[in-house]
Amino acid sequence: MFASEIRRKRVQQLRAFSKWKWHVDEVFVRVNGQRHYLWRDVDHECEVLEAVVKKRRNKAAALKFLRKLMKRRGCAEEIVTDRFASYKAALREMGSLEKQRTGRWLNNRVENSHLPFRRRERAMLRFRRIRSLQKFASVHSSVYNHFNQERSLASRDTFKLTRTAALAEWRELGAG
């Protein structure tokens, strides 16, 4: 209920910013003992843009994820990935291979963004259905983006002001 409204506001803010840098990665998640992959995209400010669950980790899945991402968010100036060959093949097919960057520590931003998701996953005692995983991943990223204020980058006063504004917006969405 709240996630769609929060996502709509976040997308409007992100579209206003001209220099996009995306960090794309996939992480495996077990659903009833079977391995599935959660494909995630994080922008240069550590905001999760998209989270999609797929059964496979191949070129077709990467291509579908990147096309969906570009349809919703526009075109990025730079796409940071790990050295997984499916990204290169998918970006080559899309004609965006020159935008790909790979490096030893370049993709740390998205790797670290998996941590809050993993913490919450452990607290929930894993997932039993793909549908609940997909729903949780999209809602969790929207809510986490709303409240994550990067405490280390701001003074205490600024942090308190932005945190208060986020809580006020959350309460307003909950009342409506």
Protein backbone atom coordinates (compact mmCIF):
# COMPACT_ATOMS: atom_id res chain seq x y z
CA MET A 1 0.00 0.00 0.00
CA PHE A 2 2.67 2.49 1.03
CA ALA A 3 5.44 1.10 -1.17
CA SER A 4 3.90 2.21 -4.47
CA GLU A 5 3.47 5.78 -3.23
CA ILE A 6 7.01 5.90 -1.85
CA ARG A 7 8.42 4.40 -5.05
CA ARG A 8 6.52 6.94 -7.18
CA LYS A 9 8.01 9.84 -5.22
CA ARG A 10 11.51 8.34 -5.33
CA VAL A 11 11.31 7.79 -9.09
CA GLN A 12 10.33 11.42 -9.62
CA GLN A 13 13.37 12.52 -7.63
CA LEU A 14 15.69 10.14 -9.45
CA ARG A 15 14.47 11.16 -12.91
CA ALA A 16 15.31 14.78 -12.08
CA PHE A 17 18.97 13.85 -11.53
CA SER A 18 21.00 13.82 -14.74
CA LYS A 19 24.11 11.74 -13.98
CA TRP A 20 23.05 8.21 -13.21
CA LYS A 21 25.41 5.46 -12.23
CA TRP A 22 23.91 2.03 -11.65
CA HIS A 23 25.45 -0.85 -9.75
CA VAL A 24 23.90 -4.18 -10.81
CA ASP A 25 24.29 -7.51 -9.04
CA GLU A 26 22.49 -10.75 -8.31
CA VAL A 27 22.37 -12.69 -5.07
CA PHE A 28 21.11 -16.23 -4.59
CA VAL A 29 18.18 -16.87 -2.26
CA ARG A 30 16.84 -20.26 -1.27
CA VAL A 31 13.08 -20.75 -1.52
CA ASN A 32 11.98 -24.13 -0.18
CA GLY A 33 15.45 -25.53 -0.75
CA GLN A 34 15.64 -24.39 -4.40
CA ARG A 35 18.10 -21.73 -5.50
CA HIS A 36 16.65 -18.57 -7.03
CA TYR A 37 18.34 -15.30 -7.87
CA LEU A 38 17.43 -11.84 -6.68
CA TRP A 39 18.64 -9.33 -9.28
CA ARG A 40 19.14 -5.90 -7.74
CA ASP A 41 20.13 -2.49 -9.01
CA VAL A 42 21.46 0.32 -6.82
CA ASP A 43 22.17 3.87 -7.92
CA HIS A 44 25.18 6.04 -7.02
CA GLU A 45 23.48 7.15 -3.76
CA CYS A 46 22.85 3.57 -2.52
CA GLU A 47 19.12 3.68 -3.30
CA VAL A 48 17.72 0.38 -4.52
CA LEU A 49 16.08 1.02 -7.88
CA GLU A 50 14.83 -2.44 -8.76
CA ALA A 51 14.66 -5.92 -7.25
CA VAL A 52 13.48 -8.86 -9.36
CA VAL A 53 13.44 -12.59 -8.56
CA LYS A 54 14.42 -15.00 -11.35
CA LYS A 55 14.92 -18.76 -11.47
CA ARG A 56 17.98 -18.54 -13.69
CA ARG A 57 21.26 -16.65 -13.75
CA ASN A 58 22.01 -16.36 -17.45
CA LYS A 59 22.07 -13.93 -20.37
CA ALA A 60 18.28 -14.05 -20.89
CA ALA A 61 17.60 -13.20 -17.24
CA ALA A 62 20.18 -10.38 -17.28
CA LEU A 63 18.74 -9.01 -20.52
CA LYS A 64 15.18 -9.07 -19.21
CA PHE A 65 16.24 -7.38 -15.97
CA LEU A 66 18.24 -4.63 -17.70
CA ARG A 67 15.47 -3.95 -20.25
CA LYS A 68 12.89 -3.65 -17.48
CA LEU A 69 15.21 -1.33 -15.59
CA MET A 70 15.87 0.90 -18.59
CA LYS A 71 12.17 1.01 -19.45
CA ARG A 72 11.33 2.26 -15.95
CA ARG A 73 14.34 4.47 -15.20
CA GLY A 74 15.68 5.64 -18.54
CA CYS A 75 19.25 5.12 -19.68
CA ALA A 76 22.24 5.22 -17.33
CA GLU A 77 25.51 6.92 -18.11
CA GLU A 78 27.51 4.14 -16.48
CA ILE A 79 26.59 0.59 -15.42
CA VAL A 80 28.90 -1.01 -12.86
CA THR A 81 28.78 -4.82 -12.74
CA ASP A 82 30.93 -7.69 -11.59
CA ARG A 83 32.75 -9.77 -14.19
CA PHE A 84 29.83 -12.15 -14.74
CA ALA A 85 29.77 -12.89 -18.50
CA SER A 86 25.97 -12.62 -18.81
CA TYR A 87 26.08 -8.87 -18.14
CA LYS A 88 28.54 -8.33 -20.95
CA ALA A 89 26.49 -10.43 -23.36
CA ALA A 90 23.22 -8.68 -22.41
CA LEU A 91 24.72 -5.20 -22.67
CA ARG A 92 26.29 -6.09 -26.03
CA GLU A 93 22.89 -7.16 -27.33
CA MET A 94 21.33 -3.92 -26.07
CA GLY A 95 24.10 -1.82 -27.64
CA SER A 96 25.27 -0.41 -24.31
CA LEU A 97 28.52 -2.32 -23.85
CA GLU A 98 30.60 0.89 -23.71
CA LYS A 99 28.71 1.93 -20.55
CA GLN A 100 29.77 -1.14 -18.57
CA ARG A 101 32.47 -0.78 -15.92
CA THR A 102 34.01 -3.70 -14.06
CA GLY A 103 36.70 -3.61 -11.45
CA ARG A 104 37.87 -5.21 -8.28
CA TRP A 105 36.07 -2.94 -5.81
CA LEU A 106 33.77 -0.94 -8.08
CA ASN A 107 30.69 -3.04 -7.27
CA ASN A 108 31.03 -2.85 -3.47
CA ARG A 109 28.10 -0.44 -3.25
CA VAL A 110 25.57 -3.05 -4.40
CA GLU A 111 27.31 -5.87 -2.54
CA ASN A 112 26.91 -3.92 0.72
CA SER A 113 23.29 -3.10 -0.10
CA HIS A 114 22.50 -6.83 0.15
CA LEU A 115 23.30 -6.79 3.88
CA PRO A 116 20.06 -5.19 5.21
CA PHE A 117 18.07 -7.56 3.01
CA ARG A 118 19.99 -10.58 4.33
CA ARG A 119 19.53 -9.42 7.94
CA ARG A 120 15.79 -9.12 7.46
CA GLU A 121 15.65 -12.45 5.60
CA ARG A 122 17.27 -14.22 8.57
CA ALA A 123 14.82 -12.57 10.97
CA MET A 124 11.91 -13.82 8.84
CA LEU A 125 13.31 -17.39 8.83
CA ARG A 126 13.72 -17.45 5.04
CA PHE A 127 11.06 -17.58 2.33
CA ARG A 128 8.61 -20.29 1.37
CA ARG A 129 7.27 -18.92 -1.93
CA ILE A 130 8.76 -16.95 -4.82
CA ARG A 131 5.82 -14.57 -4.80
CA SER A 132 6.36 -13.62 -1.15
CA LEU A 133 10.09 -13.14 -1.83
CA GLN A 134 9.38 -10.80 -4.76
CA LYS A 135 6.83 -8.81 -2.79
CA PHE A 136 9.11 -8.55 0.24
CA ALA A 137 12.15 -7.51 -1.83
CA SER A 138 10.32 -4.67 -3.59
CA VAL A 139 8.62 -3.38 -0.44
CA HIS A 140 11.74 -3.73 1.70
CA SER A 141 13.84 -1.73 -0.76
CA SER A 142 11.27 1.08 -0.97
CA VAL A 143 10.94 1.38 2.79
CA TYR A 144 14.69 1.04 3.36
CA ASN A 145 15.36 3.79 0.79
CA HIS A 146 12.89 6.05 2.56
CA PHE A 147 14.53 5.73 5.99
CA ASN A 148 18.19 5.22 5.06
CA GLN A 149 19.74 8.64 5.61
CA GLU A 150 23.47 7.76 5.41
CA ARG A 151 24.21 8.85 8.97
CA SER A 152 27.97 8.97 8.41
CA LEU A 153 27.67 11.62 5.68
CA ALA A 154 25.66 14.24 7.59
CA SER A 155 25.91 16.18 10.81
CA ARG A 156 23.70 15.17 13.72
CA ASP A 157 21.35 18.15 13.23
CA THR A 158 20.92 17.46 9.51
CA PHE A 159 20.38 13.76 10.19
CA LYS A 160 17.69 14.49 12.79
CA LEU A 161 15.90 16.89 10.42
CA THR A 162 15.84 14.44 7.53
CA ARG A 163 14.83 11.56 9.80
CA THR A 164 11.95 13.64 11.21
CA ALA A 165 10.84 14.54 7.68
CA ALA A 166 10.91 10.87 6.64
CA LEU A 167 8.84 9.85 9.67
CA ALA A 168 6.33 12.66 9.03
CA GLU A 169 5.96 11.56 5.40
CA TRP A 170 5.53 7.94 6.52
CA ARG A 171 2.81 8.92 8.99
CA GLU A 172 1.07 11.00 6.32
CA LEU A 173 1.07 8.03 3.95
CA GLY A 174 -0.24 5.77 6.73
CA ALA A 175 -3.10 8.13 7.56
CA GLY A 176 -4.34 8.35 3.95
